[in-house]
Amino acid sequence: MDPLIILFAAAVSITFLSTTLILRKLIPVLKSKKMGQKILEIGPRWHKSKEGTPTMGGLSFIFASAVVGIFGSIFIGIRYGSKVSLPFVLTLALGLAGGVIGCIDDSAKLRKKQNEGLTAIQKYVLQFIVAALYLIGMTFICGDFSSDIYFPFFGATVNAGPLYYVISMLLLTGIINGVNLTDGIDGLCSSVTLVIGIFFAIAGSGLTGLMNDPGLVLLGALLIGGCGGFLVYNFYPARVFMGDTGSLFLGGLVVGGTFMMKNPLIVLLIGLIYVIEAFSVILQVGYFKLTHGKRLFKMSPIHHHFEKCGWSEIKIVAVFSAVTVIACTIALLWGMRM
């Protein structure tokens, strides 16, 4: 049997089982420590019933992914060479660094007993530093760096020069925050990210005939197993939330995966839901200021707008996940780097 198939199956299975087993023990601990989510007063009134639901549950799939990822990268290094495993190792480090920032933020929220931890500036500065270190690592450690930017669907590659770093930093920090904003209702972030994990696994498997990247397959396996295991307890009605701890970790893996593909702009398509969530907040704030108090949406991020329009949480998760499936399918068929 192909060792890549064995790696994928083992990574998905172990990450899934580890995440569910850890959560089974972690949830009671989080409850006993009174580490419950605080709900904003301006949020949907029906979300008040969720107050006190344990948060920081993302620690479960972070730990599972880190352990499986380390052993998986060793296997890849031995089987395919260290050069093949290095981009994955750096991307896993990016995710873990995001998880640390999220953990600091969540801890501050719980300590203050409110839904605000680090300030937006503090969080962004930390994310900026982590993203810059990731780019430096991909540039000087992986050794095959290029400032070329590939434009999906056009088949064109443009040398962006110094502008490459500006675009890359915007993508890295923007998508990580977009994933964070998507984590607003039960099962949404987990479901959307699981679909993207499937995309990475297929893209790296060679099935598309365009690339064969064991590291990307392993990354996809971690996202599938981790998010799948978390959904056991996070699907509506959620018994635990991932918190910023989990969402910033997932954001790092997702955007890092597109840099592993040397096709970072594709994240705007496969992560379309993250992009829409982020822009809905930007548009809401901008419109509110320009019109002196009027709102473009009933509430932002946009999943709350649909909630206030009468959509159930399950319907929103299903529709947003379906949009991601369509976007990832289009990316696989027409957006891959030739």
Protein backbone atom coordinates (compact mmCIF):
# COMPACT_ATOMS: atom_id res chain seq x y z
CA MET A 1 0.00 0.00 0.00
CA ASP A 2 1.18 3.54 -0.76
CA PRO A 3 2.93 4.94 2.36
CA LEU A 4 1.20 8.28 1.76
CA ILE A 5 -2.21 6.61 2.12
CA ILE A 6 -1.06 4.92 5.33
CA LEU A 7 0.22 8.26 6.66
CA PHE A 8 -3.06 10.00 5.85
CA ALA A 9 -5.28 7.28 7.32
CA ALA A 10 -3.21 7.00 10.48
CA ALA A 11 -2.99 10.77 10.99
CA VAL A 12 -6.75 11.30 10.53
CA SER A 13 -7.68 8.38 12.80
CA ILE A 14 -5.24 9.17 15.61
CA THR A 15 -5.97 12.92 15.58
CA PHE A 16 -9.75 12.30 15.57
CA LEU A 17 -9.66 9.75 18.41
CA SER A 18 -7.17 11.76 20.46
CA THR A 19 -9.24 14.94 20.14
CA THR A 20 -12.47 13.25 21.24
CA LEU A 21 -10.80 11.41 24.14
CA ILE A 22 -9.03 14.56 25.34
CA LEU A 23 -12.28 16.54 25.17
CA ARG A 24 -14.08 13.86 27.17
CA LYS A 25 -11.67 14.54 30.02
CA LEU A 26 -11.10 18.25 29.35
CA ILE A 27 -14.71 19.46 29.40
CA PRO A 28 -15.33 18.49 33.06
CA VAL A 29 -12.02 20.11 34.01
CA LEU A 30 -12.92 23.35 32.22
CA LYS A 31 -16.31 23.34 33.95
CA SER A 32 -14.76 22.77 37.37
CA LYS A 33 -12.38 25.67 36.78
CA LYS A 34 -15.37 27.83 35.73
CA MET A 35 -13.74 28.52 32.36
CA GLY A 36 -17.03 29.37 30.68
CA GLN A 37 -17.68 31.63 27.69
CA LYS A 38 -19.01 35.13 28.35
CA ILE A 39 -21.66 36.31 25.89
CA LEU A 40 -21.78 39.91 24.67
CA GLU A 41 -24.91 41.84 25.60
CA ILE A 42 -25.18 43.12 22.02
CA GLY A 43 -25.26 39.56 20.64
CA PRO A 44 -28.37 37.60 19.69
CA ARG A 45 -30.48 37.30 22.83
CA TRP A 46 -30.85 33.52 22.39
CA HIS A 47 -27.08 33.15 22.73
CA LYS A 48 -27.40 34.08 26.41
CA SER A 49 -28.33 30.47 27.13
CA LYS A 50 -24.82 29.49 25.97
CA GLU A 51 -23.11 31.57 28.65
CA GLY A 52 -20.97 29.35 30.84
CA THR A 53 -20.30 26.78 28.10
CA PRO A 54 -16.64 25.75 28.53
CA THR A 55 -14.21 27.48 26.19
CA MET A 56 -10.57 26.86 25.21
CA GLY A 57 -11.62 23.43 23.96
CA GLY A 58 -9.27 24.01 21.02
CA LEU A 59 -6.50 22.77 23.32
CA SER A 60 -7.73 19.26 22.50
CA PHE A 61 -7.03 19.31 18.78
CA ILE A 62 -3.96 21.49 19.21
CA PHE A 63 -2.32 18.86 21.41
CA ALA A 64 -3.46 16.00 19.17
CA SER A 65 -2.30 17.78 16.02
CA ALA A 66 1.05 18.73 17.51
CA VAL A 67 1.89 15.17 18.57
CA VAL A 68 0.68 13.54 15.35
CA GLY A 69 2.26 16.32 13.30
CA ILE A 70 5.68 15.86 14.92
CA PHE A 71 5.71 12.10 14.35
CA GLY A 72 4.25 12.55 10.86
CA SER A 73 6.95 15.06 9.90
CA ILE A 74 9.66 12.68 11.14
CA PHE A 75 8.16 9.95 8.94
CA ILE A 76 8.06 12.32 5.95
CA GLY A 77 11.65 13.42 6.60
CA ILE A 78 12.89 9.83 6.68
CA ARG A 79 10.81 8.64 3.73
CA TYR A 80 10.88 11.68 1.43
CA GLY A 81 13.70 13.87 2.75
CA SER A 82 13.93 16.73 5.25
CA LYS A 83 13.41 19.35 2.55
CA VAL A 84 9.90 17.94 1.97
CA SER A 85 8.98 18.08 5.66
CA LEU A 86 10.34 21.56 6.49
CA PRO A 87 7.42 23.64 5.05
CA PHE A 88 4.98 21.51 7.06
CA VAL A 89 7.01 21.91 10.25
CA LEU A 90 7.06 25.71 9.83
CA THR A 91 3.32 25.78 9.12
CA LEU A 92 2.61 23.67 12.21
CA ALA A 93 4.75 26.13 14.19
CA LEU A 94 2.70 29.01 12.75
CA GLY A 95 -0.49 27.33 13.93
CA LEU A 96 0.93 26.61 17.38
CA ALA A 97 2.10 30.22 17.74
CA GLY A 98 -1.42 31.36 16.84
CA GLY A 99 -2.78 28.97 19.46
CA VAL A 100 -0.50 30.53 22.10
CA ILE A 101 -1.77 34.02 21.21
CA GLY A 102 -5.35 32.74 21.40
CA CYS A 103 -4.67 31.08 24.75
CA ILE A 104 -3.33 34.34 26.16
CA ASP A 105 -6.43 36.13 24.86
CA ASP A 106 -8.86 33.54 26.24
CA SER A 107 -7.10 33.50 29.60
CA ALA A 108 -7.37 37.29 29.82
CA LYS A 109 -11.10 37.11 29.05
CA LEU A 110 -11.66 34.54 31.77
CA ARG A 111 -9.54 36.48 34.25
CA LYS A 112 -11.48 39.69 33.55
CA LYS A 113 -14.79 37.75 33.43
CA GLN A 114 -15.78 39.48 30.20
CA ASN A 115 -15.72 38.81 26.43
CA GLU A 116 -12.71 41.05 25.80
CA GLY A 117 -9.17 39.88 26.43
CA LEU A 118 -6.24 41.35 24.54
CA THR A 119 -6.93 44.60 22.72
CA ALA A 120 -7.21 44.44 18.93
CA ILE A 121 -3.84 46.20 18.60
CA GLN A 122 -2.11 43.84 21.03
CA LYS A 123 -3.47 40.80 19.23
CA TYR A 124 -2.55 42.11 15.79
CA VAL A 125 1.00 43.05 16.82
CA LEU A 126 1.56 39.51 18.11
CA GLN A 127 0.08 38.04 14.94
CA PHE A 128 2.23 40.35 12.81
CA ILE A 129 5.40 39.19 14.57
CA VAL A 130 4.46 35.53 14.18
CA ALA A 131 3.56 35.99 10.49
CA ALA A 132 6.85 37.81 9.85
CA LEU A 133 8.83 35.00 11.50
CA TYR A 134 6.94 32.46 9.39
CA LEU A 135 7.82 34.30 6.18
CA ILE A 136 11.46 34.55 7.25
CA GLY A 137 11.47 30.83 7.98
CA MET A 138 9.88 29.91 4.66
CA THR A 139 12.37 32.19 2.89
CA PHE A 140 15.64 31.17 4.49
CA ILE A 141 15.02 27.68 5.90
CA CYS A 142 13.12 26.05 3.04
CA GLY A 143 15.64 27.37 0.53
CA ASP A 144 13.47 27.51 -2.58
CA PHE A 145 11.91 30.89 -1.95
CA SER A 146 10.60 33.03 -4.77
CA SER A 147 8.86 36.40 -4.68
CA ASP A 148 6.70 35.26 -7.58
CA ILE A 149 2.95 35.36 -6.99
CA TYR A 150 0.80 32.92 -8.93
CA PHE A 151 -2.64 34.14 -10.01
CA PRO A 152 -5.11 31.23 -10.00
CA PHE A 153 -7.38 30.85 -13.07
CA PHE A 154 -5.15 33.13 -15.15
CA GLY A 155 -2.16 30.80 -15.12
CA ALA A 156 0.05 33.86 -14.75
CA THR A 157 3.00 34.33 -12.43
CA VAL A 158 4.19 37.84 -11.54
CA ASN A 159 7.37 38.74 -9.68
CA ALA A 160 6.10 41.07 -6.96
CA GLY A 161 9.50 41.93 -5.49
CA PRO A 162 9.22 43.61 -2.06
CA LEU A 163 5.44 43.85 -2.54
CA TYR A 164 5.36 40.07 -2.06
CA TYR A 165 5.97 40.55 1.67
CA VAL A 166 3.20 43.13 2.00
CA ILE A 167 0.68 40.89 0.26
CA SER A 168 1.83 37.86 2.24
CA MET A 169 1.50 39.63 5.58
CA LEU A 170 -2.00 40.82 4.70
CA LEU A 171 -3.01 37.29 3.72
CA LEU A 172 -1.47 35.68 6.79
CA THR A 173 -2.93 38.05 9.39
CA GLY A 174 -6.18 38.62 7.50
CA ILE A 175 -7.11 34.95 7.10
CA ILE A 176 -6.10 34.07 10.65
CA ASN A 177 -8.46 36.78 11.93
CA GLY A 178 -11.14 35.72 9.44
CA VAL A 179 -11.08 32.19 10.88
CA ASN A 180 -11.36 33.69 14.35
CA LEU A 181 -14.45 35.69 13.32
CA THR A 182 -16.04 32.59 11.78
CA ASP A 183 -16.03 30.90 15.17
CA GLY A 184 -19.30 32.45 16.28
CA ILE A 185 -21.94 29.72 16.24
CA ASP A 186 -21.94 26.02 17.08
CA GLY A 187 -19.93 23.92 14.65
CA LEU A 188 -19.38 26.63 12.01
CA CYS A 189 -15.61 27.13 12.12
CA SER A 190 -14.97 23.41 12.62
CA SER A 191 -17.17 22.38 9.68
CA VAL A 192 -15.80 24.94 7.22
CA THR A 193 -12.21 24.17 8.19
CA LEU A 194 -12.76 20.41 7.91
CA VAL A 195 -13.80 20.89 4.27
CA ILE A 196 -10.61 22.88 3.63
CA GLY A 197 -8.66 20.04 5.23
CA ILE A 198 -10.11 17.69 2.62
CA PHE A 199 -9.03 20.15 -0.07
CA PHE A 200 -5.42 20.11 1.18
CA ALA A 201 -5.37 16.33 1.38
CA ILE A 202 -6.61 15.95 -2.20
CA ALA A 203 -4.37 18.74 -3.51
CA GLY A 204 -1.26 17.20 -1.98
CA SER A 205 -2.06 13.60 -2.88
CA GLY A 206 -1.24 13.90 -6.56
CA LEU A 207 -4.81 12.96 -7.52
CA THR A 208 -5.12 16.27 -9.36
CA GLY A 209 -2.01 15.42 -11.36
CA LEU A 210 -0.48 18.79 -10.52
CA MET A 211 1.43 18.26 -7.28
CA ASN A 212 2.52 15.60 -4.82
CA ASP A 213 3.25 16.95 -1.35
CA PRO A 214 3.24 14.56 1.65
CA GLY A 215 3.42 17.54 4.03
CA LEU A 216 0.24 18.99 2.58
CA VAL A 217 -1.49 15.61 2.90
CA LEU A 218 -0.46 15.45 6.56
CA LEU A 219 -1.71 19.01 7.11
CA GLY A 220 -5.06 18.07 5.60
CA ALA A 221 -5.24 14.97 7.79
CA LEU A 222 -4.68 17.03 10.95
CA LEU A 223 -7.44 19.48 9.99
CA ILE A 224 -9.86 16.67 9.14
CA GLY A 225 -9.13 14.62 12.26
CA GLY A 226 -8.94 17.58 14.64
CA CYS A 227 -12.06 19.38 13.41
CA GLY A 228 -13.98 16.12 13.04
CA GLY A 229 -13.16 15.09 16.59
CA PHE A 230 -14.04 18.53 17.90
CA LEU A 231 -17.39 18.50 16.11
CA VAL A 232 -18.43 15.51 18.22
CA TYR A 233 -18.76 17.96 21.11
CA ASN A 234 -19.08 21.26 19.24
CA PHE A 235 -21.95 20.55 16.82
CA TYR A 236 -25.25 22.15 17.83
CA PRO A 237 -25.96 22.29 20.72
CA ALA A 238 -22.30 22.76 21.55
CA ARG A 239 -20.93 21.33 24.79
CA VAL A 240 -17.63 23.17 24.34
CA PHE A 241 -16.22 26.09 22.34
CA MET A 242 -12.75 26.17 20.79
CA GLY A 243 -12.10 29.78 21.82
CA ASP A 244 -9.48 32.00 20.20
CA THR A 245 -7.04 29.30 21.28
CA GLY A 246 -8.46 26.93 18.68
CA SER A 247 -9.52 29.32 15.93
CA LEU A 248 -6.15 31.13 15.70
CA PHE A 249 -4.41 27.75 15.55
CA LEU A 250 -6.66 26.61 12.70
CA GLY A 251 -6.21 29.94 10.91
CA GLY A 252 -2.45 29.50 10.95
CA LEU A 253 -2.68 25.99 9.48
CA VAL A 254 -5.12 27.01 6.74
CA VAL A 255 -3.25 30.04 5.43
CA GLY A 256 0.10 28.31 5.92
CA GLY A 257 -1.14 25.44 3.77
CA THR A 258 -1.57 27.74 0.79
CA PHE A 259 1.99 29.01 1.22
CA MET A 260 3.13 25.39 1.22
CA MET A 261 1.38 25.08 -2.15
CA LYS A 262 3.18 28.22 -3.37
CA ASN A 263 -0.27 29.44 -4.29
CA PRO A 264 -1.21 31.79 -1.40
CA LEU A 265 -3.90 33.71 -3.30
CA ILE A 266 -5.95 30.52 -3.53
CA VAL A 267 -6.79 31.03 0.15
CA LEU A 268 -9.17 33.82 -0.93
CA LEU A 269 -11.23 31.15 -2.72
CA ILE A 270 -11.02 28.11 -0.45
CA GLY A 271 -11.37 30.44 2.56
CA LEU A 272 -14.18 32.42 0.96
CA ILE A 273 -16.32 32.15 4.09
CA TYR A 274 -13.49 33.55 6.23
CA VAL A 275 -13.07 36.43 3.78
CA ILE A 276 -16.80 37.20 3.78
CA GLU A 277 -16.94 37.08 7.58
CA ALA A 278 -14.02 39.51 7.89
CA PHE A 279 -15.32 41.91 5.23
CA SER A 280 -18.81 41.92 6.77
CA VAL A 281 -17.26 43.33 9.96
CA ILE A 282 -15.19 45.91 8.05
CA LEU A 283 -18.20 47.00 5.99
CA GLN A 284 -20.44 47.16 9.06
CA VAL A 285 -18.01 49.35 11.00
CA GLY A 286 -17.28 51.59 7.99
CA TYR A 287 -20.95 52.03 7.10
CA PHE A 288 -21.83 52.73 10.72
CA LYS A 289 -19.26 55.53 10.92
CA LEU A 290 -20.10 57.03 7.51
CA THR A 291 -23.85 57.12 8.19
CA HIS A 292 -23.51 58.13 11.84
CA GLY A 293 -25.21 55.11 13.35
CA LYS A 294 -26.91 53.17 10.55
CA ARG A 295 -26.15 49.48 10.01
CA LEU A 296 -25.58 47.64 6.75
CA PHE A 297 -26.29 44.23 8.33
CA LYS A 298 -28.57 43.38 11.21
CA MET A 299 -25.42 42.24 12.99
CA SER A 300 -21.88 41.29 12.07
CA PRO A 301 -20.04 38.99 11.50
CA ILE A 302 -22.45 37.96 8.80
CA HIS A 303 -23.48 34.62 10.34
CA HIS A 304 -25.24 36.65 13.04
CA HIS A 305 -27.07 38.61 10.32
CA PHE A 306 -28.51 35.35 8.99
CA GLU A 307 -29.41 34.29 12.54
CA LYS A 308 -31.41 37.51 12.97
CA CYS A 309 -33.07 36.79 9.62
CA GLY A 310 -34.44 33.59 11.14
CA TRP A 311 -31.90 31.00 9.98
CA SER A 312 -31.09 28.24 12.47
CA GLU A 313 -27.50 27.60 13.44
CA ILE A 314 -27.62 24.22 11.72
CA LYS A 315 -28.84 25.79 8.48
CA ILE A 316 -26.07 28.42 8.55
CA VAL A 317 -23.41 25.73 9.13
CA ALA A 318 -24.83 23.61 6.30
CA VAL A 319 -24.98 26.49 3.81
CA PHE A 320 -21.57 27.94 4.68
CA SER A 321 -20.01 24.47 4.50
CA ALA A 322 -21.67 23.85 1.12
CA VAL A 323 -20.27 27.16 -0.18
CA THR A 324 -16.82 26.02 0.98
CA VAL A 325 -17.25 22.66 -0.77
CA ILE A 326 -18.10 24.45 -4.03
CA ALA A 327 -15.20 26.91 -3.63
CA CYS A 328 -12.71 24.12 -2.90
CA THR A 329 -13.97 22.07 -5.86
CA ILE A 330 -13.49 25.06 -8.18
CA ALA A 331 -10.00 25.56 -6.72
CA LEU A 332 -9.07 21.93 -7.36
CA LEU A 333 -10.40 21.95 -10.92
CA TRP A 334 -9.21 25.34 -12.14
CA GLY A 335 -7.19 27.16 -9.46
CA MET A 336 -4.20 24.88 -8.95
CA ARG A 337 -0.72 26.00 -9.92
CA MET A 338 0.19 24.56 -13.30
